[in-house]
């Protein structure tokens, strides 16, 4: 494998890039997926209730839990809009004090 070669630059529309459109195939389907991690703070006595509600969200799973009231949630979705929806849904849950996006990335499917 030659390490000195650079990939040709992509000609990407700025608006499409900001909306995740640059990961679309010619047929309009996504050739990857979005992944995000969200740090959630809840009252310790309501942590289990918050976790149960979060796990009902499609593509969401609890990655880590701190009994002091913190959850690390990983969300996988087909587009960036679904990540935003998941973040908003979690933020508005009655047992959640705060929800902050910690990481968001796009991965190409194999």
Protein backbone atom coordinates (compact mmCIF):
# COMPACT_ATOMS: atom_id res chain seq x y z
CA UNK A 1 0.00 0.00 0.00
CA UNK A 2 1.32 3.45 -0.90
CA UNK A 3 1.05 5.86 2.02
CA UNK A 4 1.95 9.06 0.17
CA UNK A 5 -1.17 9.23 -1.98
CA UNK A 6 -3.92 11.60 -0.91
CA UNK A 7 -7.59 11.08 -1.55
CA UNK A 8 -8.98 13.42 -4.20
CA UNK A 9 -10.83 16.38 -2.68
CA UNK A 10 -14.61 16.04 -2.52
CA UNK A 11 -16.76 18.69 -4.11
CA UNK A 12 -19.43 19.00 -1.43
CA UNK A 13 -22.16 21.58 -1.14
CA UNK A 14 -21.79 23.35 2.23
CA UNK A 15 -25.50 23.06 3.06
CA UNK A 16 -25.53 19.33 2.23
CA UNK A 17 -22.44 18.82 4.36
CA UNK A 18 -23.97 20.56 7.39
CA UNK A 19 -27.12 18.46 7.06
CA UNK A 20 -25.29 15.16 6.62
CA UNK A 21 -26.15 14.97 2.91
CA UNK A 22 -22.57 14.29 1.90
CA UNK A 23 -22.93 10.69 3.03
CA UNK A 24 -25.66 9.96 0.46
CA UNK A 25 -25.16 7.50 -2.36
CA UNK A 26 -26.24 8.26 -5.92
CA UNK A 27 -29.62 6.62 -5.22
CA UNK A 28 -30.23 9.03 -2.31
CA UNK A 29 -29.74 6.39 0.37
CA UNK A 30 -27.21 6.91 3.14
CA UNK A 31 -23.95 5.00 2.80
CA UNK A 32 -23.27 5.33 6.52
CA UNK A 33 -24.83 6.01 9.85
CA UNK A 34 -24.65 8.60 12.57
CA UNK A 35 -23.44 7.84 16.08
CA UNK A 36 -23.55 10.09 19.11
CA UNK A 37 -22.92 9.95 22.81
CA UNK A 38 -25.04 11.92 25.24
CA UNK A 39 -24.22 12.60 28.88
CA UNK A 40 -27.40 12.51 30.94
CA UNK A 41 -27.78 13.79 34.51
CA UNK A 42 -30.72 12.62 36.61
CA UNK A 43 -31.53 12.61 40.29
CA UNK A 44 -29.95 9.47 41.76
CA UNK A 45 -33.30 8.25 43.08
CA UNK A 46 -34.80 8.59 39.55
CA UNK A 47 -31.83 7.15 37.62
CA UNK A 48 -33.46 3.77 36.94
CA UNK A 49 -36.66 5.39 35.65
CA UNK A 50 -34.66 7.67 33.35
CA UNK A 51 -32.62 4.72 32.05
CA UNK A 52 -35.75 2.66 31.33
CA UNK A 53 -37.28 5.52 29.33
CA UNK A 54 -34.07 6.18 27.38
CA UNK A 55 -33.77 2.51 26.42
CA UNK A 56 -37.20 2.76 24.74
CA UNK A 57 -35.74 5.14 22.14
CA UNK A 58 -34.88 3.37 18.90
CA UNK A 59 -31.10 3.07 18.50
CA UNK A 60 -30.30 4.19 22.06
CA UNK A 61 -28.47 2.18 24.66
CA UNK A 62 -26.99 2.92 28.06
CA UNK A 63 -23.23 2.57 27.74
CA UNK A 64 -22.29 3.52 31.29
CA UNK A 65 -24.02 4.36 34.54
CA UNK A 66 -22.90 6.19 37.69
CA UNK A 67 -25.10 5.72 40.75
CA UNK A 68 -24.65 9.42 41.53
CA UNK A 69 -27.07 10.15 38.69
CA UNK A 70 -25.12 10.06 35.44
CA UNK A 71 -25.69 8.01 32.30
CA UNK A 72 -23.66 7.79 29.13
CA UNK A 73 -26.05 7.07 26.27
CA UNK A 74 -24.95 5.96 22.81
CA UNK A 75 -27.36 6.61 19.95
CA UNK A 76 -27.05 5.18 16.44
CA UNK A 77 -29.28 6.54 13.68
CA UNK A 78 -29.50 6.70 9.90
CA UNK A 79 -29.29 10.50 9.77
CA UNK A 80 -28.35 13.52 11.84
CA UNK A 81 -31.99 14.53 12.29
CA UNK A 82 -32.68 11.35 14.27
CA UNK A 83 -29.74 12.15 16.57
CA UNK A 84 -31.27 15.56 17.26
CA UNK A 85 -34.67 14.02 17.89
CA UNK A 86 -33.17 11.54 20.37
CA UNK A 87 -31.32 14.35 22.19
CA UNK A 88 -34.48 16.47 22.41
CA UNK A 89 -36.57 13.51 23.56
CA UNK A 90 -34.09 12.66 26.31
CA UNK A 91 -33.81 16.32 27.39
CA UNK A 92 -37.58 16.57 27.82
CA UNK A 93 -37.99 13.41 29.89
CA UNK A 94 -39.42 14.11 33.35
CA UNK A 95 -36.63 12.25 35.19
CA UNK A 96 -33.79 13.94 33.28
CA UNK A 97 -32.17 17.08 34.65
CA UNK A 98 -29.76 17.68 31.75
CA UNK A 99 -28.72 15.97 28.52
CA UNK A 100 -25.62 17.14 26.66
CA UNK A 101 -24.26 15.97 23.33
CA UNK A 102 -20.66 14.92 23.98
CA UNK A 103 -19.75 13.37 20.63
CA UNK A 104 -21.32 13.11 17.19
CA UNK A 105 -19.79 11.41 14.20
CA UNK A 106 -20.59 9.77 10.91
CA UNK A 107 -19.39 6.29 10.12
CA UNK A 108 -19.44 4.69 6.70
CA UNK A 109 -21.06 1.29 6.55
CA UNK A 110 -18.94 -1.58 5.34
